[in-house]
Amino acid sequence: MQDNREYHRTDMAAEKAENTVHITEGREAIVHDLPESHRLSKTQHTFLTVRNIFVIIAGGLFVLSMLHIEPIYHYWNVLKFVAYILGAGAYGAEVVVLTDGWRKNPGLKEMLMPYMFGVLYVLLGFNYLLGSH
């Protein structure tokens, strides 16, 4: 009986490995498609792109706001305001990605950080805009 279970486990492991391994034939690699659960939905893909664009622009604005370049330096508070608002937008896009366009509910344990920092970024942005840093 033990031998039969051992053979069955080995056979199943080989079958799983065969289904997940990339097979190379000559110069061409045959790659199996990812299972549906591992694919990004169109919503997730779009909002990941939006999030990354917001993050790059916000980072650039933060750097510009710290430089002492004469025409830019006088608007450091506006630059930080826009950067924080874009940062909040990035956290909003992250929420949409994590919830797959509001179709999933990962729970507060996973969602606390994007919710909290999104709101804090908006508050910090207005704090800089109003000049009460």
N, C-alpha and C. Protein backbone atom coordinates (compact mmCIF):
# COMPACT_ATOMS: atom_id res chain seq x y z
N MET A 1 0.83 -1.19 0.00
CA MET A 1 0.00 0.00 0.00
C MET A 1 0.87 1.26 0.00
N GLN A 2 1.94 1.26 0.77
CA GLN A 2 2.85 2.40 0.84
C GLN A 2 3.44 2.69 -0.52
N ASP A 3 3.85 1.65 -1.24
CA ASP A 3 4.47 1.84 -2.55
C ASP A 3 3.51 2.50 -3.53
N ASN A 4 2.25 2.14 -3.46
CA ASN A 4 1.26 2.70 -4.36
C ASN A 4 1.07 4.20 -4.11
N ARG A 5 1.01 4.60 -2.82
CA ARG A 5 0.89 6.03 -2.49
C ARG A 5 2.12 6.80 -2.94
N GLU A 6 3.27 6.21 -2.72
CA GLU A 6 4.53 6.85 -3.10
C GLU A 6 4.56 7.07 -4.61
N TYR A 7 4.17 6.06 -5.38
CA TYR A 7 4.14 6.17 -6.83
C TYR A 7 3.13 7.23 -7.27
N HIS A 8 1.96 7.26 -6.60
CA HIS A 8 0.92 8.22 -6.94
C HIS A 8 1.40 9.65 -6.69
N ARG A 9 2.06 9.91 -5.54
CA ARG A 9 2.60 11.23 -5.23
C ARG A 9 3.65 11.64 -6.24
N THR A 10 4.54 10.74 -6.59
CA THR A 10 5.60 11.03 -7.54
C THR A 10 5.00 11.32 -8.91
N ASP A 11 4.00 10.54 -9.30
CA ASP A 11 3.34 10.74 -10.59
C ASP A 11 2.65 12.10 -10.64
N MET A 12 1.98 12.49 -9.55
CA MET A 12 1.31 13.79 -9.50
C MET A 12 2.33 14.93 -9.54
N ALA A 13 3.43 14.78 -8.82
CA ALA A 13 4.47 15.81 -8.81
C ALA A 13 5.07 15.98 -10.20
N ALA A 14 5.30 14.88 -10.88
CA ALA A 14 5.85 14.95 -12.23
C ALA A 14 4.88 15.62 -13.18
N GLU A 15 3.60 15.32 -13.01
CA GLU A 15 2.58 15.93 -13.87
C GLU A 15 2.51 17.43 -13.63
N LYS A 16 2.55 17.86 -12.36
CA LYS A 16 2.53 19.29 -12.06
C LYS A 16 3.77 19.98 -12.62
N ALA A 17 4.91 19.36 -12.45
CA ALA A 17 6.15 19.94 -12.97
C ALA A 17 6.09 20.06 -14.48
N GLU A 18 5.54 19.07 -15.12
CA GLU A 18 5.43 19.07 -16.58
C GLU A 18 4.53 20.20 -17.05
N ASN A 19 3.50 20.51 -16.27
CA ASN A 19 2.57 21.57 -16.64
C ASN A 19 3.12 22.96 -16.39
N THR A 20 4.12 23.09 -15.52
CA THR A 20 4.62 24.42 -15.18
C THR A 20 6.00 24.73 -15.74
N VAL A 21 6.70 23.75 -16.24
CA VAL A 21 8.06 23.96 -16.74
C VAL A 21 8.02 24.54 -18.14
N HIS A 22 8.96 25.41 -18.41
CA HIS A 22 9.12 25.94 -19.76
C HIS A 22 9.92 24.91 -20.56
N ILE A 23 9.39 24.52 -21.66
CA ILE A 23 10.04 23.51 -22.49
C ILE A 23 10.80 24.22 -23.60
N THR A 24 12.05 23.91 -23.73
CA THR A 24 12.86 24.54 -24.76
C THR A 24 13.10 23.55 -25.88
N GLU A 25 12.74 23.94 -27.07
CA GLU A 25 12.98 23.12 -28.24
C GLU A 25 13.76 23.97 -29.23
N GLY A 26 15.00 23.66 -29.41
CA GLY A 26 15.84 24.47 -30.29
C GLY A 26 15.99 25.86 -29.70
N ARG A 27 15.67 26.86 -30.48
CA ARG A 27 15.75 28.24 -30.01
C ARG A 27 14.43 28.75 -29.46
N GLU A 28 13.40 27.99 -29.61
CA GLU A 28 12.07 28.43 -29.25
C GLU A 28 11.67 27.89 -27.88
N ALA A 29 11.15 28.75 -27.04
CA ALA A 29 10.68 28.33 -25.72
C ALA A 29 9.15 28.31 -25.74
N ILE A 30 8.61 27.24 -25.25
CA ILE A 30 7.16 27.11 -25.16
C ILE A 30 6.80 27.44 -23.72
N VAL A 31 6.04 28.51 -23.54
CA VAL A 31 5.68 28.97 -22.20
C VAL A 31 4.19 28.80 -22.02
N HIS A 32 3.83 28.16 -20.93
CA HIS A 32 2.41 27.99 -20.64
C HIS A 32 1.84 29.30 -20.14
N ASP A 33 0.59 29.57 -20.48
CA ASP A 33 -0.08 30.78 -19.99
C ASP A 33 -0.27 30.68 -18.49
N LEU A 34 -0.26 31.84 -17.85
CA LEU A 34 -0.52 31.89 -16.42
C LEU A 34 -1.97 31.51 -16.15
N PRO A 35 -2.21 30.89 -15.01
CA PRO A 35 -3.61 30.61 -14.67
C PRO A 35 -4.38 31.92 -14.51
N GLU A 36 -5.67 31.86 -14.67
CA GLU A 36 -6.52 33.06 -14.62
C GLU A 36 -6.31 33.84 -13.33
N SER A 37 -6.08 33.16 -12.22
CA SER A 37 -5.92 33.84 -10.93
C SER A 37 -4.64 34.67 -10.87
N HIS A 38 -3.66 34.43 -11.75
CA HIS A 38 -2.40 35.16 -11.73
C HIS A 38 -2.34 36.27 -12.78
N ARG A 39 -3.33 36.39 -13.60
CA ARG A 39 -3.33 37.42 -14.63
C ARG A 39 -3.89 38.72 -14.07
N LEU A 40 -3.35 39.82 -14.55
CA LEU A 40 -3.89 41.11 -14.16
C LEU A 40 -5.09 41.42 -15.03
N SER A 41 -6.15 41.90 -14.39
CA SER A 41 -7.31 42.31 -15.18
C SER A 41 -6.96 43.62 -15.88
N LYS A 42 -7.77 43.99 -16.84
CA LYS A 42 -7.55 45.25 -17.56
C LYS A 42 -7.61 46.42 -16.59
N THR A 43 -8.52 46.36 -15.62
CA THR A 43 -8.63 47.40 -14.60
C THR A 43 -7.34 47.51 -13.81
N GLN A 44 -6.82 46.37 -13.34
CA GLN A 44 -5.58 46.38 -12.56
C GLN A 44 -4.43 46.93 -13.39
N HIS A 45 -4.32 46.50 -14.63
CA HIS A 45 -3.24 46.95 -15.49
C HIS A 45 -3.31 48.47 -15.70
N THR A 46 -4.49 48.98 -15.97
CA THR A 46 -4.68 50.41 -16.20
C THR A 46 -4.31 51.21 -14.95
N PHE A 47 -4.81 50.78 -13.79
CA PHE A 47 -4.55 51.55 -12.58
C PHE A 47 -3.12 51.39 -12.07
N LEU A 48 -2.46 50.28 -12.38
CA LEU A 48 -1.03 50.18 -12.07
C LEU A 48 -0.24 51.18 -12.89
N THR A 49 -0.62 51.35 -14.15
CA THR A 49 0.03 52.33 -15.01
C THR A 49 -0.20 53.74 -14.49
N VAL A 50 -1.44 54.06 -14.14
CA VAL A 50 -1.77 55.37 -13.59
C VAL A 50 -1.00 55.61 -12.30
N ARG A 51 -0.98 54.61 -11.42
CA ARG A 51 -0.26 54.74 -10.15
C ARG A 51 1.21 55.05 -10.40
N ASN A 52 1.83 54.32 -11.31
CA ASN A 52 3.26 54.52 -11.57
C ASN A 52 3.54 55.89 -12.18
N ILE A 53 2.67 56.36 -13.05
CA ILE A 53 2.84 57.71 -13.62
C ILE A 53 2.72 58.76 -12.52
N PHE A 54 1.71 58.64 -11.65
CA PHE A 54 1.55 59.58 -10.54
C PHE A 54 2.77 59.58 -9.63
N VAL A 55 3.31 58.41 -9.34
CA VAL A 55 4.46 58.30 -8.45
C VAL A 55 5.68 58.98 -9.06
N ILE A 56 5.91 58.76 -10.35
CA ILE A 56 7.07 59.37 -11.02
C ILE A 56 6.94 60.89 -11.03
N ILE A 57 5.76 61.40 -11.38
CA ILE A 57 5.56 62.85 -11.41
C ILE A 57 5.68 63.44 -10.00
N ALA A 58 5.06 62.78 -9.02
CA ALA A 58 5.13 63.28 -7.64
C ALA A 58 6.58 63.31 -7.15
N GLY A 59 7.33 62.27 -7.44
CA GLY A 59 8.74 62.24 -7.04
C GLY A 59 9.53 63.38 -7.66
N GLY A 60 9.29 63.63 -8.94
CA GLY A 60 9.97 64.74 -9.62
C GLY A 60 9.60 66.08 -9.01
N LEU A 61 8.32 66.27 -8.68
CA LEU A 61 7.89 67.53 -8.07
C LEU A 61 8.47 67.72 -6.68
N PHE A 62 8.58 66.63 -5.91
CA PHE A 62 9.21 66.73 -4.59
C PHE A 62 10.66 67.17 -4.72
N VAL A 63 11.38 66.58 -5.67
CA VAL A 63 12.78 66.96 -5.89
C VAL A 63 12.87 68.42 -6.31
N LEU A 64 12.03 68.84 -7.26
CA LEU A 64 12.03 70.24 -7.70
C LEU A 64 11.73 71.20 -6.55
N SER A 65 10.83 70.81 -5.67
CA SER A 65 10.46 71.70 -4.56
C SER A 65 11.60 71.89 -3.56
N MET A 66 12.57 70.99 -3.55
CA MET A 66 13.70 71.09 -2.63
C MET A 66 14.89 71.84 -3.23
N LEU A 67 14.89 72.02 -4.53
CA LEU A 67 16.00 72.71 -5.17
C LEU A 67 15.85 74.22 -5.01
N HIS A 68 16.95 74.89 -4.93
CA HIS A 68 16.92 76.35 -4.77
C HIS A 68 17.11 77.04 -6.12
N ILE A 69 16.33 76.63 -7.09
CA ILE A 69 16.34 77.27 -8.40
C ILE A 69 15.37 78.45 -8.32
N GLU A 70 15.86 79.63 -8.65
CA GLU A 70 15.14 80.88 -8.40
C GLU A 70 13.66 80.88 -8.84
N PRO A 71 13.31 80.62 -10.09
CA PRO A 71 11.89 80.73 -10.44
C PRO A 71 11.02 79.66 -9.75
N ILE A 72 11.59 78.49 -9.52
CA ILE A 72 10.83 77.38 -8.94
C ILE A 72 10.73 77.51 -7.43
N TYR A 73 11.77 78.04 -6.81
CA TYR A 73 11.86 78.06 -5.35
C TYR A 73 10.68 78.81 -4.70
N HIS A 74 10.17 79.83 -5.35
CA HIS A 74 9.08 80.61 -4.78
C HIS A 74 7.75 79.85 -4.77
N TYR A 75 7.70 78.77 -5.52
CA TYR A 75 6.46 77.98 -5.60
C TYR A 75 6.62 76.60 -4.97
N TRP A 76 7.57 76.48 -4.03
CA TRP A 76 7.82 75.17 -3.43
C TRP A 76 6.57 74.60 -2.77
N ASN A 77 5.74 75.47 -2.13
CA ASN A 77 4.55 74.96 -1.46
C ASN A 77 3.52 74.44 -2.46
N VAL A 78 3.40 75.07 -3.62
CA VAL A 78 2.47 74.61 -4.65
C VAL A 78 2.97 73.29 -5.25
N LEU A 79 4.29 73.20 -5.47
CA LEU A 79 4.86 71.96 -5.98
C LEU A 79 4.62 70.80 -5.02
N LYS A 80 4.82 71.06 -3.72
CA LYS A 80 4.57 70.00 -2.74
C LYS A 80 3.10 69.64 -2.66
N PHE A 81 2.23 70.65 -2.77
CA PHE A 81 0.79 70.39 -2.77
C PHE A 81 0.42 69.44 -3.92
N VAL A 82 0.87 69.77 -5.13
CA VAL A 82 0.56 68.94 -6.29
C VAL A 82 1.17 67.54 -6.13
N ALA A 83 2.40 67.48 -5.61
CA ALA A 83 3.06 66.19 -5.41
C ALA A 83 2.28 65.32 -4.42
N TYR A 84 1.84 65.94 -3.32
CA TYR A 84 1.06 65.16 -2.33
C TYR A 84 -0.29 64.73 -2.89
N ILE A 85 -0.93 65.57 -3.68
CA ILE A 85 -2.22 65.19 -4.27
C ILE A 85 -2.02 64.04 -5.26
N LEU A 86 -0.94 64.11 -6.06
CA LEU A 86 -0.63 62.99 -6.96
C LEU A 86 -0.29 61.73 -6.16
N GLY A 87 0.40 61.89 -5.04
CA GLY A 87 0.69 60.75 -4.16
C GLY A 87 -0.59 60.13 -3.63
N ALA A 88 -1.54 60.99 -3.24
CA ALA A 88 -2.85 60.49 -2.79
C ALA A 88 -3.57 59.77 -3.93
N GLY A 89 -3.44 60.32 -5.14
CA GLY A 89 -4.02 59.65 -6.31
C GLY A 89 -3.38 58.30 -6.56
N ALA A 90 -2.07 58.21 -6.31
CA ALA A 90 -1.37 56.93 -6.47
C ALA A 90 -1.89 55.92 -5.45
N TYR A 91 -2.11 56.37 -4.22
CA TYR A 91 -2.69 55.46 -3.22
C TYR A 91 -4.12 55.08 -3.61
N GLY A 92 -4.87 56.01 -4.18
CA GLY A 92 -6.21 55.68 -4.65
C GLY A 92 -6.18 54.63 -5.76
N ALA A 93 -5.23 54.79 -6.68
CA ALA A 93 -5.07 53.80 -7.75
C ALA A 93 -4.66 52.45 -7.16
N GLU A 94 -3.84 52.47 -6.12
CA GLU A 94 -3.44 51.22 -5.45
C GLU A 94 -4.65 50.53 -4.84
N VAL A 95 -5.54 51.30 -4.27
CA VAL A 95 -6.77 50.73 -3.70
C VAL A 95 -7.58 50.04 -4.80
N VAL A 96 -7.70 50.69 -5.94
CA VAL A 96 -8.46 50.11 -7.06
C VAL A 96 -7.77 48.82 -7.54
N VAL A 97 -6.44 48.81 -7.57
CA VAL A 97 -5.70 47.60 -7.98
C VAL A 97 -5.93 46.48 -6.98
N LEU A 98 -5.80 46.79 -5.69
CA LEU A 98 -5.95 45.75 -4.66
C LEU A 98 -7.37 45.19 -4.61
N THR A 99 -8.35 46.02 -4.97
CA THR A 99 -9.74 45.55 -4.94
C THR A 99 -10.22 45.10 -6.31
N ASP A 100 -9.33 45.10 -7.30
CA ASP A 100 -9.66 44.74 -8.68
C ASP A 100 -10.90 45.49 -9.15
N GLY A 101 -10.80 46.80 -9.04
CA GLY A 101 -11.91 47.66 -9.50
C GLY A 101 -13.13 47.54 -8.61
N TRP A 102 -12.92 47.41 -7.33
CA TRP A 102 -13.96 47.31 -6.30
C TRP A 102 -14.74 45.99 -6.37
N ARG A 103 -14.20 44.99 -7.10
CA ARG A 103 -14.88 43.69 -7.19
C ARG A 103 -14.47 42.75 -6.05
N LYS A 104 -13.35 43.02 -5.40
CA LYS A 104 -12.88 42.19 -4.29
C LYS A 104 -12.84 43.04 -3.03
N ASN A 105 -12.89 42.39 -1.89
CA ASN A 105 -12.75 43.10 -0.62
C ASN A 105 -11.64 42.43 0.19
N PRO A 106 -10.40 42.93 0.05
CA PRO A 106 -9.29 42.29 0.76
C PRO A 106 -9.36 42.45 2.28
N GLY A 107 -10.15 43.35 2.77
CA GLY A 107 -10.27 43.55 4.21
C GLY A 107 -9.41 44.71 4.69
N LEU A 108 -9.77 45.23 5.84
CA LEU A 108 -9.11 46.41 6.38
C LEU A 108 -7.64 46.15 6.73
N LYS A 109 -7.32 44.93 7.11
CA LYS A 109 -5.93 44.61 7.48
C LYS A 109 -4.99 44.89 6.31
N GLU A 110 -5.39 44.58 5.11
CA GLU A 110 -4.57 44.83 3.92
C GLU A 110 -4.77 46.23 3.37
N MET A 111 -5.92 46.81 3.59
CA MET A 111 -6.26 48.10 2.97
C MET A 111 -5.97 49.31 3.85
N LEU A 112 -5.62 49.09 5.11
CA LEU A 112 -5.41 50.20 6.03
C LEU A 112 -4.36 51.19 5.54
N MET A 113 -3.21 50.71 5.08
CA MET A 113 -2.14 51.60 4.65
C MET A 113 -2.55 52.49 3.47
N PRO A 114 -3.06 51.94 2.37
CA PRO A 114 -3.43 52.85 1.28
C PRO A 114 -4.55 53.83 1.66
N TYR A 115 -5.51 53.39 2.48
CA TYR A 115 -6.56 54.31 2.92
C TYR A 115 -5.97 55.43 3.77
N MET A 116 -5.19 55.04 4.77
CA MET A 116 -4.64 56.01 5.72
C MET A 116 -3.69 56.99 5.04
N PHE A 117 -2.74 56.48 4.26
CA PHE A 117 -1.78 57.36 3.62
C PHE A 117 -2.41 58.21 2.52
N GLY A 118 -3.41 57.72 1.85
CA GLY A 118 -4.11 58.52 0.86
C GLY A 118 -4.72 59.75 1.50
N VAL A 119 -5.41 59.57 2.63
CA VAL A 119 -6.02 60.69 3.34
C VAL A 119 -4.93 61.61 3.90
N LEU A 120 -3.88 61.04 4.49
CA LEU A 120 -2.79 61.87 5.04
C LEU A 120 -2.11 62.70 3.96
N TYR A 121 -1.93 62.13 2.78
CA TYR A 121 -1.30 62.89 1.69
C TYR A 121 -2.16 64.08 1.29
N VAL A 122 -3.46 63.91 1.26
CA VAL A 122 -4.35 65.03 0.94
C VAL A 122 -4.21 66.11 2.02
N LEU A 123 -4.23 65.71 3.29
CA LEU A 123 -4.09 66.67 4.39
C LEU A 123 -2.74 67.39 4.33
N LEU A 124 -1.67 66.65 4.09
CA LEU A 124 -0.34 67.27 3.99
C LEU A 124 -0.27 68.22 2.81
N GLY A 125 -0.87 67.84 1.70
CA GLY A 125 -0.88 68.70 0.52
C GLY A 125 -1.54 70.04 0.81
N PHE A 126 -2.71 70.00 1.44
CA PHE A 126 -3.39 71.26 1.77
C PHE A 126 -2.63 72.03 2.84
N ASN A 127 -1.96 71.32 3.74
CA ASN A 127 -1.14 71.97 4.74
C ASN A 127 -0.02 72.79 4.07
N TYR A 128 0.64 72.22 3.09
CA TYR A 128 1.68 72.96 2.35
C TYR A 128 1.09 74.08 1.53
N LEU A 129 -0.03 73.86 0.90
CA LEU A 129 -0.64 74.89 0.06
C LEU A 129 -1.03 76.11 0.89
N LEU A 130 -1.56 75.88 2.07
CA LEU A 130 -1.98 76.98 2.92
C LEU A 130 -0.81 77.62 3.66
N GLY A 131 0.38 77.02 3.52
CA GLY A 131 1.59 77.61 4.08
C GLY A 131 1.78 77.44 5.56
N SER A 132 1.04 76.54 6.18
CA SER A 132 1.22 76.32 7.61
C SER A 132 2.06 75.09 7.86
N HIS A 133 3.23 75.07 7.25
CA HIS A 133 4.13 73.91 7.37
C HIS A 133 4.70 73.93 8.73
